[in-house]
Amino acid sequence: MGHRIVLLVSHNHLDPVMSSLLVDGVATAGLLAIAFLALRLSLRLRRAAAQAEASFRANVALAPGEGVVLGTVEREQGADVAVRVEVEQKGSEIARPGNWSHEWTETGRTVRAHPFYLRHACGARIRVEPGEDVMLVDALDGMIRVDLTRRVRVAELMPGEKAFAFGELRRAPDPEAPTLGYRERAQGYVLVPPRRRRMLLSSEPFGEQFARKAAFHLRWAITAGVASLAFNAAFAPFHARRWLGETVEVCVTQLRESDQDRGNFDVTMLGPHGVAFSDEVSDVDVARVRGVEPLEARYVPSWPSASTIGPDVTVHSIAYVALPLFGVIAIAYFFRAHAALPWYEKKLIEQGSGRLAESESAARGDWKRPEGPPGNPPPDDRRSDAGSAIQSPTSRGGHL
């Protein structure tokens, strides 16, 4: 007649399924998935930065294909604007003890985009056809104050400004090139939006922007990876029981109440080759341990103190910390990534101290919407000009 095996679980340990879920699923696969995603984004942005830096070197010959072109902005004949973004905002005030604060929140965005030209360093005049979904990567250094609670922030590519354009360069007829014959236009370079992506226009090198974003995502990849390694290092005994341990029959040599946790009991067991190790069981399991042999244990020959009573590979309930650890890193990464986005990639919200009326001084020297043929000064009526910026009934554009 064989011995009856008593199945036990170490005190405060989780069942095998939950143990594996927390350690393998959340703390390992979950955190490493965040690290992999962030690293992938970082590497992709670094490649884009390298391509951008190589594309606008002065000695690089123009060639059809996707890339970055650097040149001086020139408007199309008869156009009053190249690319202009107007962000409408509504202001609000908050009274706090001892001071006031205000906030400007975006309520609408209009893009006016017309074909324009970039004068390349080689002398070529490249026609740029941005399309209505173009993304202007520039500073909002213009402002139109409509009234106390409404204003318009403005970003615009101005003639004579150096600009970088990311798109697909093609050879195509240029409407402003001299005719070669009867109704035949000369071929020139035309930059159009890249396939399945938006054209990017910027007054600063794309390489710098891509490099900053790449560094941001790399830091979070390292953070998630280190957090996963630290968690698994803290629960190294669990991995030792899984990979180095074996299920063996043991004999109980001592059973006494725990000095540190009254009501629970320390169990000293004799393992293979006469090696003794101990574990803790709850008072509920004491009766099952006392006087019954043999017991099964998960024994680690190279690390006896990592051994536990019971045949299964389990982990201490402290492993529940994997859930908040994963949640904090995932949520922080998402919100920091969103907060780090520049104005042209998210809803524009600006905050400041003081009342809205006190921020009127920031509107001095406001930009006005260009009106009439290029070179003609805009009207002096700021109120009328601001109203046209809000309505934009005839503007060509869309929402970013």
Protein backbone atom coordinates (compact mmCIF):
# COMPACT_ATOMS: atom_id res chain seq x y z
CA MET A 1 0.00 0.00 0.00
CA GLY A 2 1.52 3.29 -1.10
CA HIS A 3 1.93 6.46 0.90
CA ARG A 4 -0.72 9.16 0.72
CA ILE A 5 0.78 12.37 -0.71
CA VAL A 6 -0.34 15.60 0.95
CA LEU A 7 -0.55 18.56 -1.47
CA LEU A 8 0.24 21.90 0.12
CA VAL A 9 1.02 25.45 -0.93
CA SER A 10 3.52 27.71 0.76
CA HIS A 11 1.99 30.43 2.96
CA ASN A 12 0.98 33.58 1.02
CA HIS A 13 1.80 31.96 -2.32
CA LEU A 14 -0.52 32.19 -5.32
CA ASP A 15 -1.74 29.29 -7.38
CA PRO A 16 0.44 28.23 -10.35
CA VAL A 17 -1.79 29.86 -13.00
CA MET A 18 -1.88 33.26 -11.30
CA SER A 19 1.84 33.03 -10.54
CA SER A 20 2.66 32.52 -14.21
CA LEU A 21 0.21 35.22 -15.31
CA LEU A 22 1.77 37.90 -13.11
CA VAL A 23 5.42 37.01 -13.63
CA ASP A 24 5.41 35.83 -17.24
CA GLY A 25 2.43 37.73 -18.61
CA VAL A 26 2.40 41.11 -16.90
CA ALA A 27 5.91 41.75 -15.58
CA THR A 28 7.78 40.08 -18.45
CA ALA A 29 5.72 39.99 -21.65
CA GLY A 30 3.79 43.18 -20.84
CA LEU A 31 6.75 45.35 -19.89
CA LEU A 32 8.94 43.96 -22.67
CA ALA A 33 6.14 44.68 -25.16
CA ILE A 34 6.26 48.35 -24.11
CA ALA A 35 10.06 48.28 -24.40
CA PHE A 36 9.87 46.67 -27.85
CA LEU A 37 7.30 49.18 -29.10
CA ALA A 38 9.30 52.15 -27.81
CA LEU A 39 12.55 50.74 -29.20
CA ARG A 40 10.97 50.10 -32.59
CA LEU A 41 9.71 53.68 -32.75
CA SER A 42 13.11 54.97 -31.68
CA LEU A 43 14.97 53.00 -34.36
CA ARG A 44 12.50 54.04 -37.05
CA LEU A 45 12.90 57.70 -36.08
CA ARG A 46 16.68 57.38 -36.04
CA ARG A 47 16.61 55.99 -39.58
CA ALA A 48 14.35 58.83 -40.63
CA ALA A 49 16.73 61.34 -39.02
CA ALA A 50 19.69 59.88 -40.91
CA GLN A 51 17.78 59.96 -44.19
CA ALA A 52 16.66 63.53 -43.58
CA GLU A 53 20.17 64.73 -42.76
CA ALA A 54 21.53 63.11 -45.94
CA SER A 55 18.74 64.43 -48.15
CA PHE A 56 19.36 68.16 -47.81
CA ARG A 57 23.13 68.27 -48.24
CA ALA A 58 24.00 70.92 -50.77
CA ASN A 59 26.08 68.54 -52.87
CA VAL A 60 23.30 65.94 -53.19
CA ALA A 61 21.86 65.96 -56.69
CA LEU A 62 18.10 66.10 -57.09
CA ALA A 63 16.61 62.75 -58.02
CA PRO A 64 13.03 61.42 -58.20
CA GLY A 65 11.89 59.56 -55.11
CA GLU A 66 10.93 60.09 -51.50
CA GLY A 67 13.10 62.42 -49.46
CA VAL A 68 13.67 65.87 -47.99
CA VAL A 69 14.26 69.00 -50.05
CA LEU A 70 15.73 72.23 -48.67
CA GLY A 71 15.16 75.55 -50.38
CA THR A 72 14.04 79.15 -50.15
CA VAL A 73 10.28 79.73 -50.22
CA GLU A 74 8.79 81.52 -53.23
CA ARG A 75 5.06 81.95 -53.72
CA GLU A 76 3.23 80.89 -56.83
CA GLN A 77 2.35 83.72 -59.22
CA GLY A 78 -0.78 85.48 -58.01
CA ALA A 79 -0.92 83.59 -54.68
CA ASP A 80 -1.14 85.50 -51.41
CA VAL A 81 0.03 82.58 -49.28
CA ALA A 82 2.08 79.40 -49.51
CA VAL A 83 1.04 77.46 -46.41
CA ARG A 84 -0.63 79.06 -43.43
CA VAL A 85 -2.14 77.39 -40.36
CA GLU A 86 -4.62 79.27 -38.18
CA VAL A 87 -5.56 77.80 -34.80
CA GLU A 88 -8.67 79.34 -33.24
CA GLN A 89 -8.71 79.42 -29.44
CA LYS A 90 -11.22 80.28 -26.74
CA GLY A 91 -10.00 81.69 -23.44
CA SER A 92 -11.19 81.04 -19.90
CA GLU A 93 -10.19 82.29 -16.45
CA ILE A 94 -9.81 80.48 -13.14
CA ALA A 95 -9.78 82.30 -9.80
CA ARG A 96 -7.46 80.80 -7.22
CA PRO A 97 -6.67 82.07 -3.71
CA GLY A 98 -4.32 84.99 -4.18
CA ASN A 99 -4.05 84.87 -7.96
CA TRP A 100 -5.70 84.24 -11.31
CA SER A 101 -4.80 81.90 -14.13
CA HIS A 102 -6.10 81.56 -17.67
CA GLU A 103 -6.23 78.93 -20.39
CA TRP A 104 -6.55 79.09 -24.16
CA THR A 105 -8.16 76.00 -25.72
CA GLU A 106 -8.22 75.18 -29.42
CA THR A 107 -11.69 75.25 -30.95
CA GLY A 108 -10.81 74.93 -34.63
CA ARG A 109 -7.93 74.72 -37.07
CA THR A 110 -7.74 75.89 -40.67
CA VAL A 111 -5.01 75.17 -43.19
CA ARG A 112 -4.55 77.35 -46.26
CA ALA A 113 -2.27 75.53 -48.66
CA HIS A 114 -1.37 76.59 -52.21
CA PRO A 115 1.35 75.33 -54.53
CA PHE A 116 4.61 77.21 -54.02
CA TYR A 117 8.25 76.90 -54.96
CA LEU A 118 11.49 76.08 -53.20
CA ARG A 119 14.65 77.53 -54.70
CA HIS A 120 17.21 74.75 -54.24
CA ALA A 121 20.92 75.37 -53.57
CA CYS A 122 21.70 74.00 -57.04
CA GLY A 123 19.54 76.73 -58.58
CA ALA A 124 16.58 74.52 -59.47
CA ARG A 125 13.11 75.86 -58.75
CA ILE A 126 11.08 73.00 -57.27
CA ARG A 127 7.32 73.22 -57.35
CA VAL A 128 5.70 72.01 -54.11
CA GLU A 129 2.08 70.83 -54.20
CA PRO A 130 1.33 70.24 -50.50
CA GLY A 131 -2.34 69.21 -50.56
CA GLU A 132 -4.92 70.07 -47.94
CA ASP A 133 -3.63 67.64 -45.30
CA VAL A 134 -0.11 69.07 -45.20
CA MET A 135 1.54 69.32 -41.77
CA LEU A 136 3.39 72.56 -41.13
CA VAL A 137 6.11 71.98 -38.54
CA ASP A 138 6.75 75.55 -37.45
CA ALA A 139 6.44 77.89 -34.49
CA LEU A 140 3.13 79.61 -33.77
CA ASP A 141 4.76 83.02 -33.77
CA GLY A 142 1.77 84.98 -35.06
CA MET A 143 -1.36 86.00 -33.19
CA ILE A 144 -4.64 87.72 -34.04
CA ARG A 145 -6.65 88.91 -31.05
CA VAL A 146 -10.37 88.85 -31.92
CA ASP A 147 -11.80 89.90 -28.56
CA LEU A 148 -11.23 89.23 -24.87
CA THR A 149 -11.97 85.50 -25.07
CA ARG A 150 -11.09 84.67 -28.69
CA ARG A 151 -7.81 84.69 -30.55
CA VAL A 152 -6.11 83.00 -33.50
CA ARG A 153 -2.56 81.63 -33.40
CA VAL A 154 -0.77 81.64 -36.75
CA ALA A 155 2.09 79.71 -38.34
CA GLU A 156 3.06 80.47 -41.92
CA LEU A 157 5.77 79.81 -44.48
CA MET A 158 6.92 83.24 -45.63
CA PRO A 159 8.70 84.17 -48.89
CA GLY A 160 12.46 84.19 -48.48
CA GLU A 161 12.32 81.73 -45.57
CA LYS A 162 14.44 78.58 -45.65
CA ALA A 163 12.19 75.54 -45.50
CA PHE A 164 12.48 71.77 -45.48
CA ALA A 165 9.86 69.74 -47.33
CA PHE A 166 9.37 65.98 -47.02
CA GLY A 167 7.55 64.32 -49.88
CA GLU A 168 7.96 62.49 -53.17
CA LEU A 169 9.98 64.26 -55.87
CA ARG A 170 8.86 63.74 -59.47
CA ARG A 171 9.60 65.04 -62.93
CA ALA A 172 6.46 66.73 -64.24
CA PRO A 173 5.37 69.76 -66.26
CA ASP A 174 5.83 73.03 -64.38
CA PRO A 175 3.06 75.57 -65.08
CA GLU A 176 5.44 78.48 -64.42
CA ALA A 177 8.27 77.13 -66.58
CA PRO A 178 8.79 78.70 -70.03
CA THR A 179 6.93 76.93 -72.81
CA LEU A 180 9.01 74.84 -75.20
CA GLY A 181 6.54 74.94 -78.01
CA TYR A 182 2.87 75.28 -78.75
CA ARG A 183 1.13 74.50 -75.43
CA GLU A 184 4.05 72.42 -74.28
CA ARG A 185 5.36 73.06 -70.78
CA ALA A 186 8.93 72.43 -69.77
CA GLN A 187 9.56 69.56 -67.39
CA GLY A 188 10.61 70.41 -63.86
CA TYR A 189 10.76 68.90 -60.41
CA VAL A 190 7.49 68.68 -58.49
CA LEU A 191 7.25 67.62 -54.85
CA VAL A 192 3.98 65.88 -53.92
CA PRO A 193 2.80 64.15 -50.71
CA PRO A 194 4.42 60.73 -50.15
CA ARG A 195 2.25 57.68 -50.62
CA ARG A 196 -0.14 57.00 -47.74
CA ARG A 197 1.47 59.78 -45.69
CA ARG A 198 1.22 63.51 -45.23
CA MET A 199 3.67 66.02 -46.61
CA LEU A 200 5.77 67.69 -43.91
CA LEU A 201 7.00 71.28 -44.16
CA SER A 202 9.37 72.76 -41.61
CA SER A 203 11.53 75.78 -40.98
CA GLU A 204 14.02 73.65 -39.01
CA PRO A 205 15.80 70.43 -40.05
CA PHE A 206 13.70 67.30 -39.77
CA GLY A 207 16.74 65.43 -38.55
CA GLU A 208 16.72 67.36 -35.27
CA GLN A 209 13.03 66.69 -34.69
CA PHE A 210 13.32 62.98 -35.50
CA ALA A 211 16.41 62.66 -33.28
CA ARG A 212 14.63 64.24 -30.30
CA LYS A 213 11.67 61.90 -30.67
CA ALA A 214 13.97 58.91 -31.10
CA ALA A 215 15.79 59.77 -27.85
CA PHE A 216 12.46 60.11 -26.01
CA HIS A 217 11.23 56.67 -27.06
CA LEU A 218 14.63 55.11 -26.37
CA ARG A 219 14.53 56.37 -22.76
CA TRP A 220 11.14 54.73 -22.25
CA ALA A 221 12.32 51.50 -23.88
CA ILE A 222 15.18 51.40 -21.39
CA THR A 223 12.82 52.24 -18.49
CA ALA A 224 10.40 49.41 -19.34
CA GLY A 225 13.23 46.95 -19.94
CA VAL A 226 14.99 47.78 -16.66
CA ALA A 227 11.68 47.54 -14.77
CA SER A 228 11.08 44.07 -16.18
CA LEU A 229 14.61 42.93 -15.32
CA ALA A 230 14.35 44.36 -11.79
CA PHE A 231 11.03 42.62 -11.17
CA ASN A 232 12.29 39.26 -12.40
CA ALA A 233 15.49 39.65 -10.39
CA ALA A 234 13.42 40.30 -7.26
CA PHE A 235 11.50 37.09 -7.92
CA ALA A 236 14.52 35.04 -8.92
CA PRO A 237 13.55 32.20 -6.50
CA PHE A 238 10.41 31.63 -8.58
CA HIS A 239 12.51 31.20 -11.72
CA ALA A 240 14.93 28.97 -9.83
CA ARG A 241 12.09 26.68 -8.77
CA ARG A 242 10.86 26.55 -12.35
CA TRP A 243 14.11 26.00 -14.24
CA LEU A 244 16.45 24.49 -11.65
CA GLY A 245 14.02 22.82 -9.26
CA GLU A 246 12.55 19.35 -9.09
CA THR A 247 9.53 17.87 -7.32
CA VAL A 248 10.66 15.50 -4.58
CA GLU A 249 9.28 13.73 -1.52
CA VAL A 250 10.48 15.14 1.80
CA CYS A 251 10.15 14.29 5.48
CA VAL A 252 9.19 16.86 8.12
CA THR A 253 11.80 17.11 10.86
CA GLN A 254 10.46 20.11 12.79
CA LEU A 255 7.19 22.05 13.03
CA ARG A 256 6.97 25.16 15.18
CA GLU A 257 4.99 28.36 15.37
CA SER A 258 6.58 31.27 13.50
CA ASP A 259 8.26 33.93 15.64
CA GLN A 260 7.52 36.68 13.09
CA ASP A 261 3.98 35.73 12.03
CA ARG A 262 1.93 34.34 14.93
CA GLY A 263 -0.60 31.74 13.85
CA ASN A 264 1.56 30.42 11.02
CA PHE A 265 4.14 27.66 11.30
CA ASP A 266 7.69 27.07 10.10
CA VAL A 267 8.18 23.64 8.59
CA THR A 268 11.69 22.18 8.42
CA MET A 269 12.04 19.41 5.84
CA LEU A 270 14.75 16.93 4.92
CA GLY A 271 15.31 16.80 1.20
CA PRO A 272 17.42 14.58 -1.06
CA HIS A 273 20.95 13.79 0.08
CA GLY A 274 20.05 14.87 3.62
CA VAL A 275 19.79 18.61 2.80
CA ALA A 276 17.46 20.46 5.18
CA PHE A 277 15.37 23.46 4.15
CA SER A 278 12.37 25.24 5.62
CA ASP A 279 9.18 26.94 4.53
CA GLU A 280 6.12 28.48 6.14
CA VAL A 281 2.54 27.20 6.07
CA SER A 282 -0.69 28.72 7.36
CA ASP A 283 -2.42 27.47 10.51
CA VAL A 284 -5.09 25.90 8.26
CA ASP A 285 -2.52 23.52 6.77
CA VAL A 286 -0.78 22.62 10.02
CA ALA A 287 -3.10 19.72 10.73
CA ARG A 288 -2.41 18.34 7.24
CA VAL A 289 1.33 18.50 7.84
CA ARG A 290 1.49 17.09 11.35
CA GLY A 291 1.90 13.35 11.41
CA VAL A 292 1.48 12.79 7.67
CA GLU A 293 4.34 11.72 5.42
CA PRO A 294 5.66 11.91 2.87
CA LEU A 295 5.11 15.46 1.62
CA GLU A 296 5.96 16.86 -1.80
CA ALA A 297 8.11 19.92 -2.25
CA ARG A 298 9.65 21.90 -5.07
CA TYR A 299 13.34 21.50 -4.28
CA VAL A 300 16.20 23.54 -5.80
CA PRO A 301 19.51 21.65 -5.29
CA SER A 302 21.69 24.66 -6.10
CA TRP A 303 19.62 27.06 -3.99
CA PRO A 304 17.95 25.18 -1.11
CA SER A 305 16.52 28.33 0.47
CA ALA A 306 14.48 28.92 -2.70
CA SER A 307 12.70 25.59 -2.22
CA THR A 308 9.02 25.57 -1.21
CA ILE A 309 6.56 23.08 0.17
CA GLY A 310 4.17 21.63 -2.39
CA PRO A 311 4.81 20.24 -5.89
CA ASP A 312 3.86 23.31 -7.93
CA VAL A 313 5.92 26.31 -9.05
CA THR A 314 4.31 29.24 -7.24
CA VAL A 315 5.21 32.81 -6.37
CA HIS A 316 4.58 34.96 -3.31
CA SER A 317 1.50 37.17 -3.44
CA ILE A 318 3.74 40.24 -3.42
CA ALA A 319 3.97 39.53 -7.17
CA TYR A 320 0.68 41.42 -7.48
CA VAL A 321 2.91 44.49 -7.62
CA ALA A 322 3.37 43.58 -11.29
CA LEU A 323 -0.06 45.03 -12.05
CA PRO A 324 0.54 48.60 -10.77
CA LEU A 325 4.10 48.50 -12.09
CA PHE A 326 2.90 47.73 -15.60
CA GLY A 327 0.00 50.17 -15.32
CA VAL A 328 2.13 53.08 -14.12
CA ILE A 329 4.75 52.62 -16.85
CA ALA A 330 2.20 52.09 -19.64
CA ILE A 331 0.05 55.06 -18.63
CA ALA A 332 3.04 57.33 -17.97
CA TYR A 333 4.58 56.43 -21.34
CA PHE A 334 1.32 57.14 -23.16
CA PHE A 335 0.66 60.47 -21.46
CA ARG A 336 4.27 61.65 -21.62
CA ALA A 337 4.40 60.76 -25.31
CA HIS A 338 1.23 62.75 -25.88
CA ALA A 339 2.41 65.66 -23.74
CA ALA A 340 5.70 65.76 -25.64
CA LEU A 341 3.92 66.12 -28.98
CA PRO A 342 4.35 69.57 -30.56
CA TRP A 343 1.31 71.77 -31.20
CA TYR A 344 0.86 70.61 -34.78
CA GLU A 345 0.29 66.98 -33.67
CA LYS A 346 -2.28 67.56 -30.92
CA LYS A 347 -5.00 69.87 -29.71
CA LEU A 348 -3.42 73.18 -28.72
CA ILE A 349 -4.00 74.16 -25.08
CA GLU A 350 -1.95 76.99 -23.54
CA GLN A 351 -1.98 78.10 -19.93
CA GLY A 352 -0.66 81.17 -18.17
CA SER A 353 -0.89 83.23 -15.01
CA GLY A 354 -3.02 86.33 -14.62
CA ARG A 355 -6.32 87.26 -16.21
CA LEU A 356 -7.21 87.11 -19.89
CA ALA A 357 -7.17 90.89 -20.16
CA GLU A 358 -3.56 90.92 -18.99
CA SER A 359 -2.54 88.65 -21.84
CA GLU A 360 -3.60 91.23 -24.44
CA SER A 361 -0.09 92.63 -24.46
CA ALA A 362 1.02 89.41 -26.11
CA ALA A 363 -1.05 90.39 -29.14
CA ARG A 364 1.03 93.46 -29.92
CA GLY A 365 2.67 93.09 -33.28
CA ASP A 366 0.06 90.54 -34.35
CA TRP A 367 0.22 88.97 -37.76
CA LYS A 368 -2.63 89.64 -40.13
CA ARG A 369 -3.99 87.39 -42.81
CA PRO A 370 -2.36 88.40 -46.11
CA GLU A 371 -4.92 90.09 -48.35
CA GLY A 372 -4.61 91.03 -51.99
CA PRO A 373 -1.72 90.44 -54.36
CA PRO A 374 1.73 89.67 -52.95
CA GLY A 375 3.59 92.78 -51.94
CA ASN A 376 0.49 94.82 -51.09
CA PRO A 377 0.31 95.77 -47.40
CA PRO A 378 -2.59 94.27 -45.43
CA PRO A 379 -5.35 96.53 -44.12
CA ASP A 380 -4.81 98.25 -40.81
CA ASP A 381 -8.18 97.29 -39.35
CA ARG A 382 -7.20 94.55 -36.92
CA ARG A 383 -10.80 93.75 -35.94
CA SER A 384 -11.88 93.22 -39.55
CA ASP A 385 -8.77 91.19 -40.28
CA ALA A 386 -9.29 88.98 -37.26
CA GLY A 387 -12.86 88.33 -38.24
CA SER A 388 -11.77 87.08 -41.64
CA ALA A 389 -9.38 84.71 -39.93
CA ILE A 390 -12.22 83.14 -37.98
CA GLN A 391 -14.61 82.73 -40.89
CA SER A 392 -12.22 81.84 -43.74
CA PRO A 393 -15.12 81.31 -46.15
CA THR A 394 -12.99 81.20 -49.26
CA SER A 395 -9.85 79.64 -47.91
CA ARG A 396 -8.66 76.35 -49.23
CA GLY A 397 -7.79 74.05 -46.37
CA GLY A 398 -8.70 71.32 -43.95
CA HIS A 399 -8.19 70.12 -40.39
CA LEU A 400 -4.98 68.54 -39.24
